[in-house]
PDB file of all heavy atoms in Angstrom:
ATOM      1  N   PHE A   1     210.465  74.755 128.286  1.00  0.00           N
ATOM      2  CA  PHE A   1     210.221  75.862 127.385  1.00  0.00           C
ATOM      3  C   PHE A   1     210.735  77.185 128.015  1.00  0.00           C
ATOM      4  O   PHE A   1     210.677  77.377 129.218  1.00  0.00           O
ATOM      5  CB  PHE A   1     208.708  75.921 127.178  1.00  0.00           C
ATOM      6  CG  PHE A   1     208.055  74.764 126.555  1.00  0.00           C
ATOM      7  CD1 PHE A   1     207.639  73.691 127.360  1.00  0.00           C
ATOM      8  CD2 PHE A   1     207.942  74.700 125.218  1.00  0.00           C
ATOM      9  CE1 PHE A   1     207.028  72.580 126.777  1.00  0.00           C
ATOM     10  CE2 PHE A   1     207.334  73.554 124.598  1.00  0.00           C
ATOM     11  CZ  PHE A   1     206.921  72.554 125.381  1.00  0.00           C
ATOM     12  N   HIS A   2     211.246  77.982 127.126  1.00  0.00           N
ATOM     13  CA  HIS A   2     211.664  79.380 127.522  1.00  0.00           C
ATOM     14  C   HIS A   2     210.509  80.282 127.349  1.00  0.00           C
ATOM     15  O   HIS A   2     209.881  80.351 126.307  1.00  0.00           O
ATOM     16  CB  HIS A   2     212.893  79.799 126.668  1.00  0.00           C
ATOM     17  CG  HIS A   2     213.274  81.196 126.893  1.00  0.00           C
ATOM     18  ND1 HIS A   2     213.560  82.104 125.832  1.00  0.00           N
ATOM     19  CD2 HIS A   2     213.492  81.896 128.073  1.00  0.00           C
ATOM     20  CE1 HIS A   2     214.004  83.238 126.365  1.00  0.00           C
ATOM     21  NE2 HIS A   2     213.910  83.140 127.724  1.00  0.00           N
ATOM     22  N   THR A   3     210.129  81.016 128.438  1.00  0.00           N
ATOM     23  CA  THR A   3     208.980  81.839 128.339  1.00  0.00           C
ATOM     24  C   THR A   3     209.294  83.323 128.376  1.00  0.00           C
ATOM     25  O   THR A   3     208.528  84.233 127.850  1.00  0.00           O
ATOM     26  CB  THR A   3     208.020  81.599 129.524  1.00  0.00           C
ATOM     27  OG1 THR A   3     208.637  81.805 130.761  1.00  0.00           O
ATOM     28  CG2 THR A   3     207.537  80.162 129.390  1.00  0.00           C
ATOM     29  N   TYR A   4     210.434  83.721 128.976  1.00  0.00           N
ATOM     30  CA  TYR A   4     210.694  85.143 129.146  1.00  0.00           C
ATOM     31  C   TYR A   4     212.150  85.432 129.566  1.00  0.00           C
ATOM     32  O   TYR A   4     212.731  84.609 130.285  1.00  0.00           O
ATOM     33  CB  TYR A   4     209.763  85.814 130.265  1.00  0.00           C
ATOM     34  CG  TYR A   4     209.870  87.298 130.397  1.00  0.00           C
ATOM     35  CD1 TYR A   4     209.364  88.170 129.430  1.00  0.00           C
ATOM     36  CD2 TYR A   4     210.582  87.886 131.463  1.00  0.00           C
ATOM     37  CE1 TYR A   4     209.469  89.576 129.558  1.00  0.00           C
ATOM     38  CE2 TYR A   4     210.628  89.239 131.625  1.00  0.00           C
ATOM     39  CZ  TYR A   4     210.116  90.048 130.635  1.00  0.00           C
ATOM     40  OH  TYR A   4     210.240  91.456 130.785  1.00  0.00           O
ATOM     41  N   SER A   5     212.691  86.568 129.163  1.00  0.00           N
ATOM     42  CA  SER A   5     213.989  87.048 129.633  1.00  0.00           C
ATOM     43  C   SER A   5     213.993  88.520 129.761  1.00  0.00           C
ATOM     44  O   SER A   5     213.256  89.268 129.040  1.00  0.00           O
ATOM     45  CB  SER A   5     215.130  86.620 128.723  1.00  0.00           C
ATOM     46  OG  SER A   5     215.431  85.285 128.818  1.00  0.00           O
ATOM     47  N   ALA A   6     214.764  89.065 130.750  1.00  0.00           N
ATOM     48  CA  ALA A   6     214.911  90.520 130.937  1.00  0.00           C
ATOM     49  C   ALA A   6     216.370  90.785 131.258  1.00  0.00           C
ATOM     50  O   ALA A   6     217.034  89.911 131.833  1.00  0.00           O
ATOM     51  CB  ALA A   6     213.997  91.053 131.985  1.00  0.00           C
ATOM     52  N   TYR A   7     216.813  92.001 130.944  1.00  0.00           N
ATOM     53  CA  TYR A   7     218.221  92.352 131.150  1.00  0.00           C
ATOM     54  C   TYR A   7     218.447  93.714 131.719  1.00  0.00           C
ATOM     55  O   TYR A   7     217.562  94.581 131.530  1.00  0.00           O
ATOM     56  CB  TYR A   7     218.978  92.230 129.780  1.00  0.00           C
ATOM     57  CG  TYR A   7     218.726  90.957 129.059  1.00  0.00           C
ATOM     58  CD1 TYR A   7     217.751  90.934 128.027  1.00  0.00           C
ATOM     59  CD2 TYR A   7     219.392  89.789 129.285  1.00  0.00           C
ATOM     60  CE1 TYR A   7     217.483  89.731 127.315  1.00  0.00           C
ATOM     61  CE2 TYR A   7     219.195  88.609 128.636  1.00  0.00           C
ATOM     62  CZ  TYR A   7     218.180  88.624 127.646  1.00  0.00           C
ATOM     63  OH  TYR A   7     217.959  87.409 126.913  1.00  0.00           O
ATOM     64  N   GLU A   8     219.547  93.862 132.431  1.00  0.00           N
ATOM     65  CA  GLU A   8     219.999  95.173 132.899  1.00  0.00           C
ATOM     66  C   GLU A   8     218.929  95.962 133.601  1.00  0.00           C
ATOM     67  O   GLU A   8     218.397  95.523 134.635  1.00  0.00           O
ATOM     68  CB  GLU A   8     220.609  95.939 131.721  1.00  0.00           C
ATOM     69  CG  GLU A   8     221.833  95.231 131.151  1.00  0.00           C
ATOM     70  CD  GLU A   8     222.333  95.831 129.853  1.00  0.00           C
ATOM     71  OE1 GLU A   8     221.633  96.489 129.152  1.00  0.00           O
ATOM     72  OE2 GLU A   8     223.559  95.558 129.572  1.00  0.00           O
ATOM     73  N   ARG A   9     218.466  97.141 133.109  1.00  0.00           N
ATOM     74  CA  ARG A   9     217.399  97.848 133.781  1.00  0.00           C
ATOM     75  C   ARG A   9     216.054  97.165 133.890  1.00  0.00           C
ATOM     76  O   ARG A   9     215.219  97.518 134.693  1.00  0.00           O
ATOM     77  CB  ARG A   9     217.157  99.224 133.060  1.00  0.00           C
ATOM     78  CG  ARG A   9     218.310 100.285 133.206  1.00  0.00           C
ATOM     79  CD  ARG A   9     218.468 100.705 134.657  1.00  0.00           C
ATOM     80  NE  ARG A   9     217.241 101.192 135.278  1.00  0.00           N
ATOM     81  CZ  ARG A   9     216.813 102.415 135.131  1.00  0.00           C
ATOM     82  NH1 ARG A   9     217.454 103.313 134.354  1.00  0.00           N
ATOM     83  NH2 ARG A   9     215.681 102.855 135.760  1.00  0.00           N
ATOM     84  N   GLY A  10     215.890  96.104 133.093  1.00  0.00           N
ATOM     85  CA  GLY A  10     214.732  95.328 133.205  1.00  0.00           C
ATOM     86  C   GLY A  10     214.561  94.547 134.503  1.00  0.00           C
ATOM     87  O   GLY A  10     213.564  93.983 134.823  1.00  0.00           O
ATOM     88  N   LEU A  11     215.734  94.519 135.299  1.00  0.00           N
ATOM     89  CA  LEU A  11     215.788  93.803 136.543  1.00  0.00           C
ATOM     90  C   LEU A  11     215.445  94.734 137.681  1.00  0.00           C
ATOM     91  O   LEU A  11     215.359  94.268 138.822  1.00  0.00           O
ATOM     92  CB  LEU A  11     217.141  93.162 136.725  1.00  0.00           C
ATOM     93  CG  LEU A  11     217.778  92.346 135.635  1.00  0.00           C
ATOM     94  CD1 LEU A  11     219.039  91.663 136.054  1.00  0.00           C
ATOM     95  CD2 LEU A  11     216.726  91.310 135.180  1.00  0.00           C
ATOM     96  N   ASP A  12     215.294  95.985 137.405  1.00  0.00           N
ATOM     97  CA  ASP A  12     214.977  97.002 138.586  1.00  0.00           C
ATOM     98  C   ASP A  12     213.686  96.568 139.264  1.00  0.00           C
ATOM     99  O   ASP A  12     212.709  96.213 138.642  1.00  0.00           O
ATOM    100  CB  ASP A  12     214.798  98.377 137.939  1.00  0.00           C
ATOM    101  CG  ASP A  12     216.098  99.044 137.562  1.00  0.00           C
ATOM    102  OD1 ASP A  12     217.125  98.387 137.667  1.00  0.00           O
ATOM    103  OD2 ASP A  12     216.043 100.145 137.036  1.00  0.00           O
ATOM    104  N   GLY A  13     213.748  96.538 140.488  1.00  0.00           N
ATOM    105  CA  GLY A  13     212.557  96.206 141.354  1.00  0.00           C
ATOM    106  C   GLY A  13     212.410  94.727 141.600  1.00  0.00           C
ATOM    107  O   GLY A  13     211.425  94.357 142.347  1.00  0.00           O
ATOM    108  N   LEU A  14     213.226  93.874 141.055  1.00  0.00           N
ATOM    109  CA  LEU A  14     213.124  92.481 141.362  1.00  0.00           C
ATOM    110  C   LEU A  14     213.782  92.046 142.662  1.00  0.00           C
ATOM    111  O   LEU A  14     214.683  92.782 143.177  1.00  0.00           O
ATOM    112  CB  LEU A  14     213.753  91.650 140.177  1.00  0.00           C
ATOM    113  CG  LEU A  14     213.161  91.767 138.799  1.00  0.00           C
ATOM    114  CD1 LEU A  14     213.909  90.902 137.794  1.00  0.00           C
ATOM    115  CD2 LEU A  14     211.657  91.408 138.867  1.00  0.00           C
ATOM    116  N   GLY A  15     213.399  90.929 143.161  1.00  0.00           N
ATOM    117  CA  GLY A  15     214.011  90.410 144.396  1.00  0.00           C
ATOM    118  C   GLY A  15     212.980  89.758 145.358  1.00  0.00           C
ATOM    119  O   GLY A  15     213.272  88.775 146.021  1.00  0.00           O
ATOM    120  N   SER A  16     211.746  90.292 145.291  1.00  0.00           N
ATOM    121  CA  SER A  16     210.677  89.648 146.111  1.00  0.00           C
ATOM    122  C   SER A  16     210.054  88.532 145.386  1.00  0.00           C
ATOM    123  O   SER A  16     210.156  88.278 144.196  1.00  0.00           O
ATOM    124  CB  SER A  16     209.619  90.726 146.423  1.00  0.00           C
ATOM    125  OG  SER A  16     208.950  91.130 145.260  1.00  0.00           O
ATOM    126  N   THR A  17     209.285  87.725 146.160  1.00  0.00           N
ATOM    127  CA  THR A  17     208.596  86.550 145.571  1.00  0.00           C
ATOM    128  C   THR A  17     207.683  86.959 144.466  1.00  0.00           C
ATOM    129  O   THR A  17     207.605  86.477 143.410  1.00  0.00           O
ATOM    130  CB  THR A  17     207.836  85.837 146.669  1.00  0.00           C
ATOM    131  OG1 THR A  17     208.779  85.306 147.631  1.00  0.00           O
ATOM    132  CG2 THR A  17     207.025  84.639 146.098  1.00  0.00           C
ATOM    133  N   GLY A  18     206.799  87.999 144.749  1.00  0.00           N
ATOM    134  CA  GLY A  18     205.861  88.474 143.767  1.00  0.00           C
ATOM    135  C   GLY A  18     206.457  88.961 142.532  1.00  0.00           C
ATOM    136  O   GLY A  18     205.990  88.760 141.382  1.00  0.00           O
ATOM    137  N   SER A  19     207.624  89.729 142.672  1.00  0.00           N
ATOM    138  CA  SER A  19     208.253  90.271 141.450  1.00  0.00           C
ATOM    139  C   SER A  19     208.798  89.213 140.565  1.00  0.00           C
ATOM    140  O   SER A  19     208.710  89.393 139.326  1.00  0.00           O
ATOM    141  CB  SER A  19     209.384  91.274 141.895  1.00  0.00           C
ATOM    142  OG  SER A  19     210.456  90.517 142.518  1.00  0.00           O
ATOM    143  N   PHE A  20     209.309  88.159 141.104  1.00  0.00           N
ATOM    144  CA  PHE A  20     209.816  87.075 140.254  1.00  0.00           C
ATOM    145  C   PHE A  20     208.625  86.327 139.626  1.00  0.00           C
ATOM    146  O   PHE A  20     208.640  85.988 138.416  1.00  0.00           O
ATOM    147  CB  PHE A  20     210.639  86.084 141.040  1.00  0.00           C
ATOM    148  CG  PHE A  20     212.033  86.569 141.405  1.00  0.00           C
ATOM    149  CD1 PHE A  20     212.493  86.538 142.652  1.00  0.00           C
ATOM    150  CD2 PHE A  20     212.849  87.023 140.387  1.00  0.00           C
ATOM    151  CE1 PHE A  20     213.755  87.003 142.971  1.00  0.00           C
ATOM    152  CE2 PHE A  20     214.138  87.537 140.663  1.00  0.00           C
ATOM    153  CZ  PHE A  20     214.605  87.498 142.021  1.00  0.00           C
ATOM    154  N   LEU A  21     207.521  86.053 140.362  1.00  0.00           N
ATOM    155  CA  LEU A  21     206.390  85.304 139.814  1.00  0.00           C
ATOM    156  C   LEU A  21     205.729  86.143 138.677  1.00  0.00           C
ATOM    157  O   LEU A  21     205.270  85.577 137.749  1.00  0.00           O
ATOM    158  CB  LEU A  21     205.438  85.023 140.940  1.00  0.00           C
ATOM    159  CG  LEU A  21     205.829  84.056 141.977  1.00  0.00           C
ATOM    160  CD1 LEU A  21     204.746  83.947 143.080  1.00  0.00           C
ATOM    161  CD2 LEU A  21     205.994  82.648 141.314  1.00  0.00           C
ATOM    162  N   ASP A  22     205.809  87.483 138.771  1.00  0.00           N
ATOM    163  CA  ASP A  22     205.215  88.316 137.743  1.00  0.00           C
ATOM    164  C   ASP A  22     205.945  88.162 136.414  1.00  0.00           C
ATOM    165  O   ASP A  22     205.346  88.472 135.367  1.00  0.00           O
ATOM    166  CB  ASP A  22     205.262  89.785 138.196  1.00  0.00           C
ATOM    167  CG  ASP A  22     204.185  90.122 139.220  1.00  0.00           C
ATOM    168  OD1 ASP A  22     203.228  89.377 139.337  1.00  0.00           O
ATOM    169  OD2 ASP A  22     204.358  91.231 139.836  1.00  0.00           O
ATOM    170  N   LEU A  23     207.166  87.661 136.363  1.00  0.00           N
ATOM    171  CA  LEU A  23     207.845  87.395 135.145  1.00  0.00           C
ATOM    172  C   LEU A  23     207.542  86.092 134.529  1.00  0.00           C
ATOM    173  O   LEU A  23     207.912  85.867 133.381  1.00  0.00           O
ATOM    174  CB  LEU A  23     209.370  87.472 135.413  1.00  0.00           C
ATOM    175  CG  LEU A  23     209.982  88.767 135.937  1.00  0.00           C
ATOM    176  CD1 LEU A  23     211.448  88.688 136.058  1.00  0.00           C
ATOM    177  CD2 LEU A  23     209.506  89.965 135.177  1.00  0.00           C
ATOM    178  N   THR A  24     206.896  85.165 135.267  1.00  0.00           N
ATOM    179  CA  THR A  24     206.724  83.848 134.863  1.00  0.00           C
ATOM    180  C   THR A  24     205.398  83.601 133.995  1.00  0.00           C
ATOM    181  O   THR A  24     204.465  84.439 134.115  1.00  0.00           O
ATOM    182  CB  THR A  24     206.732  82.855 136.018  1.00  0.00           C
ATOM    183  OG1 THR A  24     205.532  83.085 136.833  1.00  0.00           O
ATOM    184  CG2 THR A  24     207.962  82.990 136.855  1.00  0.00           C
ATOM    185  N   ALA A  25     205.313  82.533 133.354  1.00  0.00           N
ATOM    186  CA  ALA A  25     204.133  82.189 132.523  1.00  0.00           C
ATOM    187  C   ALA A  25     202.932  81.972 133.435  1.00  0.00           C
ATOM    188  O   ALA A  25     201.765  82.262 133.003  1.00  0.00           O
ATOM    189  CB  ALA A  25     204.384  81.094 131.607  1.00  0.00           C
ATOM    190  N   LEU A  26     203.113  81.441 134.590  1.00  0.00           N
ATOM    191  CA  LEU A  26     201.995  81.158 135.473  1.00  0.00           C
ATOM    192  C   LEU A  26     201.691  82.206 136.431  1.00  0.00           C
ATOM    193  O   LEU A  26     200.656  82.237 137.121  1.00  0.00           O
ATOM    194  CB  LEU A  26     202.258  79.818 136.297  1.00  0.00           C
ATOM    195  CG  LEU A  26     202.524  78.586 135.454  1.00  0.00           C
ATOM    196  CD1 LEU A  26     202.697  77.378 136.401  1.00  0.00           C
ATOM    197  CD2 LEU A  26     201.295  78.307 134.503  1.00  0.00           C
ATOM    198  N   GLY A  27     202.521  83.259 136.532  1.00  0.00           N
ATOM    199  CA  GLY A  27     202.275  84.421 137.358  1.00  0.00           C
ATOM    200  C   GLY A  27     202.186  84.062 138.842  1.00  0.00           C
ATOM    201  O   GLY A  27     202.790  83.138 139.260  1.00  0.00           O
ATOM    202  N   ARG A  28     201.409  84.859 139.556  1.00  0.00           N
ATOM    203  CA  ARG A  28     201.203  84.570 140.998  1.00  0.00           C
ATOM    204  C   ARG A  28     200.174  83.444 141.256  1.00  0.00           C
ATOM    205  O   ARG A  28     199.938  83.149 142.385  1.00  0.00           O
ATOM    206  CB  ARG A  28     200.807  85.887 141.670  1.00  0.00           C
ATOM    207  CG  ARG A  28     201.766  87.052 141.469  1.00  0.00           C
ATOM    208  CD  ARG A  28     201.453  88.220 142.316  1.00  0.00           C
ATOM    209  NE  ARG A  28     202.328  89.320 142.034  1.00  0.00           N
ATOM    210  CZ  ARG A  28     202.468  90.419 142.766  1.00  0.00           C
ATOM    211  NH1 ARG A  28     201.843  90.521 143.938  1.00  0.00           N
ATOM    212  NH2 ARG A  28     203.289  91.377 142.431  1.00  0.00           N
ATOM    213  N   GLN A  29     199.626  82.957 140.165  1.00  0.00           N
ATOM    214  CA  GLN A  29     198.589  81.875 140.222  1.00  0.00           C
ATOM    215  C   GLN A  29     197.441  82.194 141.083  1.00  0.00           C
ATOM    216  O   GLN A  29     196.971  81.381 141.858  1.00  0.00           O
ATOM    217  CB  GLN A  29     199.404  80.644 140.693  1.00  0.00           C
ATOM    218  CG  GLN A  29     200.568  80.203 139.856  1.00  0.00           C
ATOM    219  CD  GLN A  29     201.557  79.295 140.567  1.00  0.00           C
ATOM    220  OE1 GLN A  29     201.145  78.374 141.286  1.00  0.00           O
ATOM    221  NE2 GLN A  29     202.827  79.556 140.403  1.00  0.00           N
ATOM    222  N   GLU A  30     196.962  83.420 140.909  1.00  0.00           N
ATOM    223  CA  GLU A  30     195.822  83.840 141.702  1.00  0.00           C
ATOM    224  C   GLU A  30     194.586  84.025 140.699  1.00  0.00           C
ATOM    225  O   GLU A  30     194.768  84.272 139.510  1.00  0.00           O
ATOM    226  CB  GLU A  30     196.133  85.214 142.372  1.00  0.00           C
ATOM    227  CG  GLU A  30     197.227  85.085 143.390  1.00  0.00           C
ATOM    228  CD  GLU A  30     197.684  86.439 143.912  1.00  0.00           C
ATOM    229  OE1 GLU A  30     196.988  87.399 143.680  1.00  0.00           O
ATOM    230  OE2 GLU A  30     198.760  86.499 144.504  1.00  0.00           O
ATOM    231  N   GLU A  31     193.389  83.880 141.274  1.00  0.00           N
ATOM    232  CA  GLU A  31     192.208  83.869 140.485  1.00  0.00           C
ATOM    233  C   GLU A  31     191.910  85.150 139.630  1.00  0.00           C
ATOM    234  O   GLU A  31     191.340  85.099 138.540  1.00  0.00           O
ATOM    235  CB  GLU A  31     190.957  83.553 141.344  1.00  0.00           C
ATOM    236  CG  GLU A  31     190.981  82.204 141.985  1.00  0.00           C
ATOM    237  CD  GLU A  31     190.765  81.109 140.964  1.00  0.00           C
ATOM    238  OE1 GLU A  31     190.332  81.368 139.784  1.00  0.00           O
ATOM    239  OE2 GLU A  31     191.049  79.906 141.286  1.00  0.00           O
TER     240      GLU A  31
END
């Protein structure tokens, strides 16, 4: 399943583990 996409300036600030997980459907998987 496709859950999310972002482009161009929407990628600003990405690169760390947390920043990528924040884009996903399951997130950081914290309580």
